[in-house]
Amino acid sequence: MKYNIYNIPSMVFFVFLLFTILCSCKKKDETPEQVKQWLLTINFKDDFINPKLGAIVFISDLNGNPLADTMIAGNSRLVMHTDKTITPPFQVTLVKWEPDMHNFLVTMNTYLNVVPSEWTVIGQRLVSTGDAVVNLLNLPDYSGPILFSNSGYSNLTFTTSGNIHPVYKSPDDLYIRLNTGSGPVFTWKNGIVAGGVYDVDLTSMTAASTHAISFPVKAQDFKVIISGYQDTSVVNSLQIVTDEQIGNGSYADSVIVCYPPSVFSSFHSQIEMIESWTSTSTYFYSKFGVIPDQFVKTDAAITDIQVNSSSVTFKSSGNFTVTAAKWSFQDIDNLAFDWTVFGPDTLTTISLPSLPPSMTNMFPTLTPDSLRLHGFELIHYPSVNTYPDYLERVFNPEYYGRKEKYEAASVKIRVD
């Protein structure tokens, strides 16, 4: 076969023209790929999500409109995008559910003013290895309830035999304290394991150390829980309650707490104070480290509050880092919901975001009209300067195990 060299350029041009036409047609028929906007990456660790159940994460814009939502399970890495074009910040809601006494509790936490970032959400799930049974022998004369406490569990009771204690760390130590005419005394039992039955002889008990915590004003009601950590070098070590007290309605300007000497390397003190039963405000103080000498009352105040369906408008004064509003609901099947929204100190209104499809499909009884505002709180963290710093402390793994150990003072109004 012979080729005409004079026709080659025209053939090349024809092929090029045909290729161009075909490519042009293909481009016109293609649907342009939609560019999705990255919102947030979340790393779930240490069974924050119950491995037998699940969780939901949804993201909303500033007006509460859904941007993205998904159901997840287990320890996973979640990357969330939206096909909408938005300008940060936005809102992020973490939803999980757990058995709780006689019902199922759905816990929903919404964080406002979030910018695109990477979070690590870490749990500290208490998984019981079984129960230990404790019988008390040769009790001295005492008054009030008996405190039983081991790692992650405590109980105030008048029962002296057949006491059942979940064991989360096996073997574990058991702390038993009671009040006598000469003051609080305790005994310490080492090496309790799941499935064990123990007779504890209280013939000889040791005097507990005491510490006075003063109130800035006389309080008609209070609640104090003092817990100890045996090893603070382990960030997720479980605390052991050393004292728990509730006021009796008489005005008090201080409370004396007790603990076993030379056992704990650090303490967690949690104190709730109400100046009077007619007061609308409850004050809280939490401190990790040494047991404080005095209750630190925040100067933050809620000067006005207006509740309107699924939003709350308020006026405030004083110093605080975080604003929190909590809504609650329980349906006829004993499915309980607690929904807390956390935001910065600059807010004057907090509103619940709209429920995305994942929520309405999973929980059809939950509607905006079903929720009732339960409480409103202003929280001051002296060592946390700003709300973005607060989010950093909550979701940066560098601070793992330390968030609940920051000193905090708050004021709360119970609404319902």
Protein backbone atom coordinates (compact mmCIF):
# COMPACT_ATOMS: atom_id res chain seq x y z
CA MET A 1 0.00 0.00 0.00
CA LYS A 2 1.27 3.44 -0.92
CA TYR A 3 0.77 6.57 1.19
CA ASN A 4 0.33 9.99 -0.28
CA ILE A 5 2.62 12.15 1.81
CA TYR A 6 0.80 15.24 0.69
CA ASN A 7 -2.38 14.05 2.47
CA ILE A 8 -0.76 13.37 5.86
CA PRO A 9 -1.09 16.94 7.24
CA SER A 10 -4.76 17.02 6.34
CA MET A 11 -5.30 13.63 7.98
CA VAL A 12 -3.59 14.80 11.16
CA PHE A 13 -5.72 17.93 11.22
CA PHE A 14 -8.87 15.85 10.74
CA VAL A 15 -7.99 13.51 13.62
CA PHE A 16 -7.14 16.47 15.89
CA LEU A 17 -10.44 18.15 15.00
CA LEU A 18 -12.41 14.97 15.71
CA PHE A 19 -10.66 14.51 19.08
CA THR A 20 -11.40 18.11 20.04
CA ILE A 21 -15.09 17.73 19.18
CA LEU A 22 -15.40 14.50 21.17
CA CYS A 23 -13.68 15.99 24.24
CA SER A 24 -15.85 19.06 24.03
CA CYS A 25 -18.99 16.91 23.94
CA LYS A 26 -17.80 14.84 26.86
CA LYS A 27 -17.17 17.92 29.00
CA LYS A 28 -20.63 19.25 28.26
CA ASP A 29 -22.24 15.94 29.27
CA GLU A 30 -20.31 15.62 32.57
CA THR A 31 -21.78 16.93 35.84
CA PRO A 32 -19.14 19.08 37.57
CA GLU A 33 -17.88 17.42 40.71
CA GLN A 34 -19.21 19.20 43.79
CA VAL A 35 -16.53 20.49 46.12
CA LYS A 36 -17.31 19.69 49.75
CA GLN A 37 -16.14 21.93 52.57
CA TRP A 38 -14.26 20.29 55.44
CA LEU A 39 -15.73 21.07 58.83
CA LEU A 40 -14.25 18.85 61.51
CA THR A 41 -12.22 15.70 62.17
CA ILE A 42 -12.95 13.80 65.39
CA ASN A 43 -10.93 10.94 66.86
CA PHE A 44 -12.98 8.85 69.31
CA LYS A 45 -10.89 6.92 71.82
CA ASP A 46 -11.13 4.83 74.99
CA ASP A 47 -14.75 3.84 74.40
CA PHE A 48 -16.26 7.29 74.61
CA ILE A 49 -18.92 5.54 72.55
CA ASN A 50 -20.35 2.40 74.10
CA PRO A 51 -19.03 -0.37 71.80
CA LYS A 52 -22.39 -2.17 72.04
CA LEU A 53 -24.39 0.92 71.16
CA GLY A 54 -23.51 3.96 69.06
CA ALA A 55 -23.42 7.71 68.76
CA ILE A 56 -24.49 10.56 66.50
CA VAL A 57 -22.55 13.65 65.52
CA PHE A 58 -24.21 16.55 63.78
CA ILE A 59 -22.98 19.98 62.78
CA SER A 60 -25.17 23.06 62.36
CA ASP A 61 -24.64 26.58 61.13
CA LEU A 62 -24.94 29.62 63.40
CA ASN A 63 -28.73 29.61 62.94
CA GLY A 64 -29.00 25.96 63.95
CA ASN A 65 -29.63 24.64 60.42
CA PRO A 66 -28.13 21.17 59.75
CA LEU A 67 -24.90 21.06 57.73
CA ALA A 68 -23.87 17.43 58.25
CA ASP A 69 -24.86 14.49 60.44
CA THR A 70 -23.87 10.86 60.80
CA MET A 71 -24.19 7.81 63.04
CA ILE A 72 -21.00 6.12 64.21
CA ALA A 73 -19.93 3.19 66.37
CA GLY A 74 -16.86 2.26 68.37
CA ASN A 75 -13.48 3.95 68.46
CA SER A 76 -13.32 5.59 65.07
CA ARG A 77 -11.96 8.54 63.14
CA LEU A 78 -14.70 10.72 61.72
CA VAL A 79 -14.17 13.36 59.03
CA MET A 80 -17.18 15.60 58.41
CA HIS A 81 -17.84 17.73 55.34
CA THR A 82 -20.73 19.77 54.03
CA ASP A 83 -21.86 20.36 50.45
CA LYS A 84 -22.95 23.86 51.45
CA THR A 85 -20.75 26.91 51.40
CA ILE A 86 -20.50 28.42 54.87
CA THR A 87 -18.31 30.81 56.77
CA PRO A 88 -17.23 29.45 60.20
CA PRO A 89 -17.86 29.32 63.07
CA PHE A 90 -20.50 26.61 63.42
CA GLN A 91 -22.05 24.35 66.08
CA VAL A 92 -21.09 20.74 66.88
CA THR A 93 -23.31 18.29 68.78
CA LEU A 94 -22.09 14.98 70.22
CA VAL A 95 -24.84 12.49 71.09
CA LYS A 96 -24.43 9.19 72.93
CA TRP A 97 -26.72 6.93 74.96
CA GLU A 98 -26.20 4.60 77.89
CA PRO A 99 -28.29 2.52 80.32
CA ASP A 100 -28.97 4.67 83.39
CA MET A 101 -30.67 3.16 86.45
CA HIS A 102 -34.19 2.29 85.24
CA ASN A 103 -34.07 4.03 81.87
CA PHE A 104 -31.86 4.91 78.92
CA LEU A 105 -30.12 8.27 79.08
CA VAL A 106 -29.31 10.14 75.88
CA THR A 107 -26.62 12.76 76.53
CA MET A 108 -26.35 15.56 73.98
CA ASN A 109 -23.61 18.20 74.21
CA THR A 110 -23.55 21.10 71.77
CA TYR A 111 -20.49 23.34 71.47
CA LEU A 112 -20.93 26.76 69.87
CA ASN A 113 -18.38 28.88 67.98
CA VAL A 114 -16.37 25.98 66.57
CA VAL A 115 -13.96 26.50 63.67
CA PRO A 116 -12.57 23.78 61.37
CA SER A 117 -10.18 21.74 63.51
CA GLU A 118 -9.30 18.25 64.71
CA TRP A 119 -10.72 16.99 68.01
CA THR A 120 -9.96 13.99 70.18
CA VAL A 121 -12.89 12.81 72.28
CA ILE A 122 -11.79 10.46 75.05
CA GLY A 123 -13.97 8.42 77.38
CA GLN A 124 -13.31 6.85 80.75
CA ARG A 125 -15.77 3.99 80.70
CA LEU A 126 -16.27 2.16 83.98
CA VAL A 127 -16.46 -1.52 83.07
CA SER A 128 -17.18 -3.70 86.08
CA THR A 129 -15.22 -6.92 86.40
CA GLY A 130 -17.85 -8.15 88.87
CA ASP A 131 -18.96 -7.48 92.43
CA ALA A 132 -17.39 -7.97 95.83
CA VAL A 133 -19.52 -8.62 98.92
CA VAL A 134 -18.53 -7.07 102.26
CA ASN A 135 -19.79 -7.89 105.74
CA LEU A 136 -18.90 -5.67 108.71
CA LEU A 137 -18.12 -7.29 112.07
CA ASN A 138 -17.78 -5.80 115.59
CA LEU A 139 -18.96 -2.29 114.78
CA PRO A 140 -18.26 0.37 117.40
CA ASP A 141 -21.01 2.79 118.42
CA TYR A 142 -21.55 5.15 115.52
CA SER A 143 -24.06 7.61 114.08
CA GLY A 144 -25.14 8.40 110.57
CA PRO A 145 -24.56 6.38 107.41
CA ILE A 146 -21.51 4.28 106.70
CA LEU A 147 -19.35 5.28 103.74
CA PHE A 148 -18.04 2.48 101.54
CA SER A 149 -15.72 3.49 98.72
CA ASN A 150 -13.41 1.87 96.21
CA SER A 151 -12.04 3.02 92.86
CA GLY A 152 -14.85 4.60 90.85
CA TYR A 153 -17.62 3.59 93.25
CA SER A 154 -18.99 4.84 96.55
CA ASN A 155 -22.08 4.30 98.66
CA LEU A 156 -23.60 5.72 101.82
CA THR A 157 -25.68 3.11 103.63
CA PHE A 158 -26.81 1.85 107.02
CA THR A 159 -26.47 -1.79 105.94
CA THR A 160 -23.72 -3.77 107.65
CA SER A 161 -23.90 -7.13 105.87
CA GLY A 162 -24.17 -8.22 102.26
CA ASN A 163 -22.88 -4.92 100.89
CA ILE A 164 -22.27 -5.28 97.17
CA HIS A 165 -19.48 -3.25 95.57
CA PRO A 166 -18.76 -3.13 91.81
CA VAL A 167 -15.05 -3.72 91.19
CA TYR A 168 -13.62 -1.64 88.33
CA LYS A 169 -9.99 -2.26 89.21
CA SER A 170 -9.10 -5.75 90.34
CA PRO A 171 -7.54 -6.15 92.81
CA ASP A 172 -8.68 -2.95 94.51
CA ASP A 173 -8.73 -1.26 97.90
CA LEU A 174 -11.83 -0.64 99.99
CA TYR A 175 -12.26 2.37 102.27
CA ILE A 176 -14.85 2.16 105.07
CA ARG A 177 -15.62 5.18 107.26
CA LEU A 178 -18.12 5.94 109.99
CA ASN A 179 -18.73 8.65 112.58
CA THR A 180 -18.27 7.91 116.29
CA GLY A 181 -18.55 9.99 119.43
CA SER A 182 -14.82 10.68 119.29
CA GLY A 183 -14.84 11.66 115.59
CA PRO A 184 -14.67 9.97 112.19
CA VAL A 185 -12.77 6.68 112.02
CA PHE A 186 -11.92 4.41 109.11
CA THR A 187 -10.44 1.11 108.08
CA TRP A 188 -8.72 0.15 104.84
CA LYS A 189 -9.10 -3.23 103.17
CA ASN A 190 -6.55 -4.25 100.53
CA GLY A 191 -6.87 -6.73 97.73
CA ILE A 192 -10.60 -7.02 97.08
CA VAL A 193 -11.42 -8.80 93.84
CA ALA A 194 -14.56 -9.45 91.86
CA GLY A 195 -16.46 -12.44 93.20
CA GLY A 196 -14.84 -12.18 96.63
CA VAL A 197 -16.74 -12.21 99.94
CA TYR A 198 -15.04 -10.34 102.78
CA ASP A 199 -15.65 -10.12 106.51
CA VAL A 200 -14.12 -6.88 107.77
CA ASP A 201 -13.45 -6.67 111.49
CA LEU A 202 -13.97 -3.14 112.82
CA THR A 203 -12.70 -3.82 116.33
CA SER A 204 -9.73 -1.58 115.66
CA MET A 205 -10.20 1.49 113.45
CA THR A 206 -7.98 4.50 112.72
CA ALA A 207 -8.88 8.13 113.32
CA ALA A 208 -9.42 10.07 110.10
CA SER A 209 -7.71 13.39 109.42
CA THR A 210 -10.01 16.41 109.19
CA HIS A 211 -10.00 19.69 107.28
CA ALA A 212 -12.27 22.73 107.63
CA ILE A 213 -13.69 24.47 104.54
CA SER A 214 -15.27 27.85 105.22
CA PHE A 215 -18.16 29.42 103.29
CA PRO A 216 -18.04 33.10 102.30
CA VAL A 217 -21.62 33.48 103.59
CA LYS A 218 -23.83 31.38 105.82
CA ALA A 219 -25.32 28.58 103.77
CA GLN A 220 -28.64 26.94 104.55
CA ASP A 221 -27.90 24.00 102.30
CA PHE A 222 -24.74 22.44 100.90
CA LYS A 223 -23.29 19.25 99.50
CA VAL A 224 -19.63 18.29 99.67
CA ILE A 225 -17.82 15.37 98.02
CA ILE A 226 -14.11 14.87 98.66
CA SER A 227 -12.35 12.24 96.56
CA GLY A 228 -8.75 11.07 96.58
CA TYR A 229 -6.34 9.88 93.90
CA GLN A 230 -3.75 7.34 94.91
CA ASP A 231 -1.59 7.87 91.82
CA THR A 232 -1.89 11.16 89.94
CA SER A 233 0.82 10.10 87.49
CA VAL A 234 -1.82 7.90 85.85
CA VAL A 235 -4.06 10.36 84.02
CA ASN A 236 -7.13 8.12 84.02
CA SER A 237 -6.75 6.80 87.57
CA LEU A 238 -10.08 6.36 89.34
CA GLN A 239 -10.87 8.45 92.40
CA ILE A 240 -11.98 7.07 95.76
CA VAL A 241 -14.55 9.11 97.69
CA THR A 242 -13.28 9.91 101.19
CA ASP A 243 -16.20 12.01 102.45
CA GLU A 244 -19.69 13.00 101.36
CA GLN A 245 -21.85 15.39 103.35
CA ILE A 246 -25.23 17.07 102.88
CA GLY A 247 -26.50 20.02 104.92
CA ASN A 248 -29.41 19.54 107.31
CA GLY A 249 -31.13 22.87 106.73
CA SER A 250 -29.37 24.73 109.54
CA TYR A 251 -27.27 27.72 108.50
CA ALA A 252 -23.56 26.89 108.45
CA ASP A 253 -20.47 29.00 107.79
CA SER A 254 -18.13 26.02 107.34
CA VAL A 255 -17.96 22.27 106.95
CA ILE A 256 -15.40 19.83 108.32
CA VAL A 257 -14.43 17.04 105.91
CA CYS A 258 -12.34 13.98 106.62
CA TYR A 259 -9.96 11.65 104.81
CA PRO A 260 -7.48 8.89 105.63
CA PRO A 261 -4.01 10.34 106.23
CA SER A 262 -1.00 9.35 104.12
CA VAL A 263 -3.02 7.51 101.48
CA PHE A 264 -3.78 9.92 98.64
CA SER A 265 -1.40 12.00 96.57
CA SER A 266 -4.11 14.47 95.56
CA PHE A 267 -7.78 15.29 96.11
CA HIS A 268 -10.76 16.43 94.12
CA SER A 269 -13.10 18.68 96.12
CA GLN A 270 -16.62 19.35 94.80
CA ILE A 271 -18.82 21.71 96.78
CA GLU A 272 -22.35 22.96 96.16
CA MET A 273 -23.77 25.81 98.25
CA ILE A 274 -27.21 27.46 98.51
CA GLU A 275 -27.42 30.57 100.65
CA SER A 276 -31.09 30.08 101.42
CA TRP A 277 -33.90 27.79 100.34
CA THR A 278 -35.62 30.85 98.88
CA SER A 279 -32.55 31.69 96.77
CA THR A 280 -32.79 31.22 93.01
CA SER A 281 -29.05 30.64 92.62
CA THR A 282 -26.87 27.67 93.46
CA TYR A 283 -23.09 28.10 93.64
CA PHE A 284 -20.51 25.43 92.80
CA TYR A 285 -16.80 25.19 93.44
CA SER A 286 -14.44 22.46 92.23
CA LYS A 287 -10.73 22.16 92.98
CA PHE A 288 -8.11 19.52 92.30
CA GLY A 289 -4.98 19.21 94.46
CA VAL A 290 -5.04 20.05 98.14
CA ILE A 291 -8.39 20.30 99.90
CA PRO A 292 -9.25 24.03 99.90
CA ASP A 293 -9.53 26.12 103.05
CA GLN A 294 -12.50 28.04 101.70
CA PHE A 295 -15.26 27.87 99.14
CA VAL A 296 -14.50 30.29 96.30
CA LYS A 297 -17.73 31.97 95.25
CA THR A 298 -17.81 33.29 91.68
CA ASP A 299 -18.70 36.94 91.13
CA ALA A 300 -20.64 35.96 88.00
CA ALA A 301 -24.36 36.67 88.25
CA ILE A 302 -27.43 36.03 86.14
CA THR A 303 -29.37 39.30 86.31
CA ASP A 304 -32.26 38.40 83.99
CA ILE A 305 -33.46 35.31 82.16
CA GLN A 306 -36.26 34.80 79.64
CA VAL A 307 -37.23 31.34 78.39
CA ASN A 308 -38.86 31.06 74.98
CA SER A 309 -39.52 27.52 73.70
CA SER A 310 -36.09 26.09 72.73
CA SER A 311 -34.09 29.23 73.49
CA VAL A 312 -33.08 31.27 76.51
CA THR A 313 -32.21 34.97 76.58
CA PHE A 314 -30.31 36.34 79.54
CA LYS A 315 -28.31 39.16 81.06
CA SER A 316 -25.20 38.52 83.09
CA SER A 317 -22.38 40.23 84.94
CA GLY A 318 -19.04 39.35 86.49
CA ASN A 319 -16.24 37.10 85.26
CA PHE A 320 -16.92 33.75 83.60
CA THR A 321 -15.49 31.65 80.77
CA VAL A 322 -18.34 29.43 79.63
CA THR A 323 -22.10 29.79 79.37
CA ALA A 324 -24.15 26.59 79.62
CA ALA A 325 -27.86 25.90 79.24
CA LYS A 326 -29.39 22.47 79.83
CA TRP A 327 -32.68 21.13 78.48
CA SER A 328 -34.27 17.84 79.58
CA PHE A 329 -37.06 15.50 78.50
CA GLN A 330 -38.27 11.98 79.38
CA ASP A 331 -40.73 10.14 77.17
CA ILE A 332 -43.38 7.62 78.24
CA ASP A 333 -40.97 4.73 77.65
CA ASN A 334 -38.44 6.14 80.17
CA LEU A 335 -36.05 7.30 77.48
CA ALA A 336 -34.42 10.37 79.06
CA PHE A 337 -32.67 13.20 77.25
CA ASP A 338 -30.19 15.73 78.66
CA TRP A 339 -29.14 18.38 76.14
CA THR A 340 -26.53 20.94 77.21
CA VAL A 341 -25.31 23.80 75.02
CA PHE A 342 -21.91 25.32 75.83
CA GLY A 343 -20.96 28.76 74.53
CA PRO A 344 -18.70 31.77 75.14
CA ASP A 345 -19.15 34.53 77.70
CA THR A 346 -20.22 37.00 74.99
CA LEU A 347 -23.61 35.39 74.41
CA THR A 348 -26.97 36.87 75.38
CA THR A 349 -29.09 34.12 73.79
CA ILE A 350 -28.64 30.35 73.54
CA SER A 351 -30.85 28.38 71.16
CA LEU A 352 -31.08 24.67 70.44
CA PRO A 353 -30.16 23.72 66.87
CA SER A 354 -32.67 21.93 64.66
CA LEU A 355 -32.70 18.14 64.76
CA PRO A 356 -31.14 16.49 61.67
CA PRO A 357 -32.54 13.32 60.03
CA SER A 358 -30.24 11.00 62.01
CA MET A 359 -31.79 12.27 65.26
CA THR A 360 -35.44 12.27 64.20
CA ASN A 361 -35.06 8.74 62.81
CA MET A 362 -33.32 7.41 65.91
CA PHE A 363 -35.40 9.27 68.51
CA PRO A 364 -38.87 10.04 67.09
CA THR A 365 -40.26 11.09 70.50
CA LEU A 366 -37.72 13.91 70.81
CA THR A 367 -39.06 17.19 69.44
CA PRO A 368 -38.20 20.83 70.15
CA ASP A 369 -41.54 21.23 71.93
CA SER A 370 -40.88 18.26 74.21
CA LEU A 371 -37.74 19.76 75.77
CA ARG A 372 -37.85 21.98 78.84
CA LEU A 373 -35.05 24.24 80.07
CA HIS A 374 -33.69 22.62 83.21
CA GLY A 375 -30.93 24.99 84.27
CA PHE A 376 -28.68 27.82 83.20
CA GLU A 377 -25.07 28.22 84.38
CA LEU A 378 -22.12 30.61 84.17
CA ILE A 379 -18.78 28.83 84.70
CA HIS A 380 -15.47 30.49 85.49
CA TYR A 381 -12.17 28.63 84.97
CA PRO A 382 -9.38 30.76 86.49
CA SER A 383 -6.66 28.98 84.49
CA VAL A 384 -8.57 29.06 81.16
CA ASN A 385 -8.49 32.53 79.64
CA THR A 386 -11.01 32.33 76.80
CA TYR A 387 -13.74 30.11 75.37
CA PRO A 388 -11.51 28.96 72.47
CA ASP A 389 -8.96 28.01 75.13
CA TYR A 390 -11.72 26.03 76.87
CA LEU A 391 -12.47 24.09 73.66
CA GLU A 392 -8.74 23.43 73.30
CA ARG A 393 -8.61 21.98 76.81
CA VAL A 394 -11.67 19.79 76.19
CA PHE A 395 -10.67 18.33 72.81
CA ASN A 396 -6.88 18.47 72.57
CA PRO A 397 -5.38 15.11 73.67
CA GLU A 398 -2.48 17.01 75.20
CA TYR A 399 -4.84 17.78 78.09
CA TYR A 400 -6.23 14.24 78.41
CA GLY A 401 -7.49 13.48 81.89
CA ARG A 402 -7.05 17.04 83.13
CA LYS A 403 -10.22 18.89 82.11
CA GLU A 404 -12.24 17.90 85.17
CA LYS A 405 -9.25 18.76 87.34
CA TYR A 406 -9.24 22.47 86.53
CA GLU A 407 -10.39 24.75 89.27
CA ALA A 408 -13.88 26.03 88.51
CA ALA A 409 -16.46 28.26 90.17
CA SER A 410 -19.97 28.66 88.81
CA VAL A 411 -23.48 29.93 89.51
CA LYS A 412 -26.55 28.10 88.30
CA ILE A 413 -30.23 28.92 88.14
CA ARG A 414 -32.61 25.99 88.12
CA VAL A 415 -35.48 26.86 85.81
CA ASP A 416 -37.93 23.94 85.89
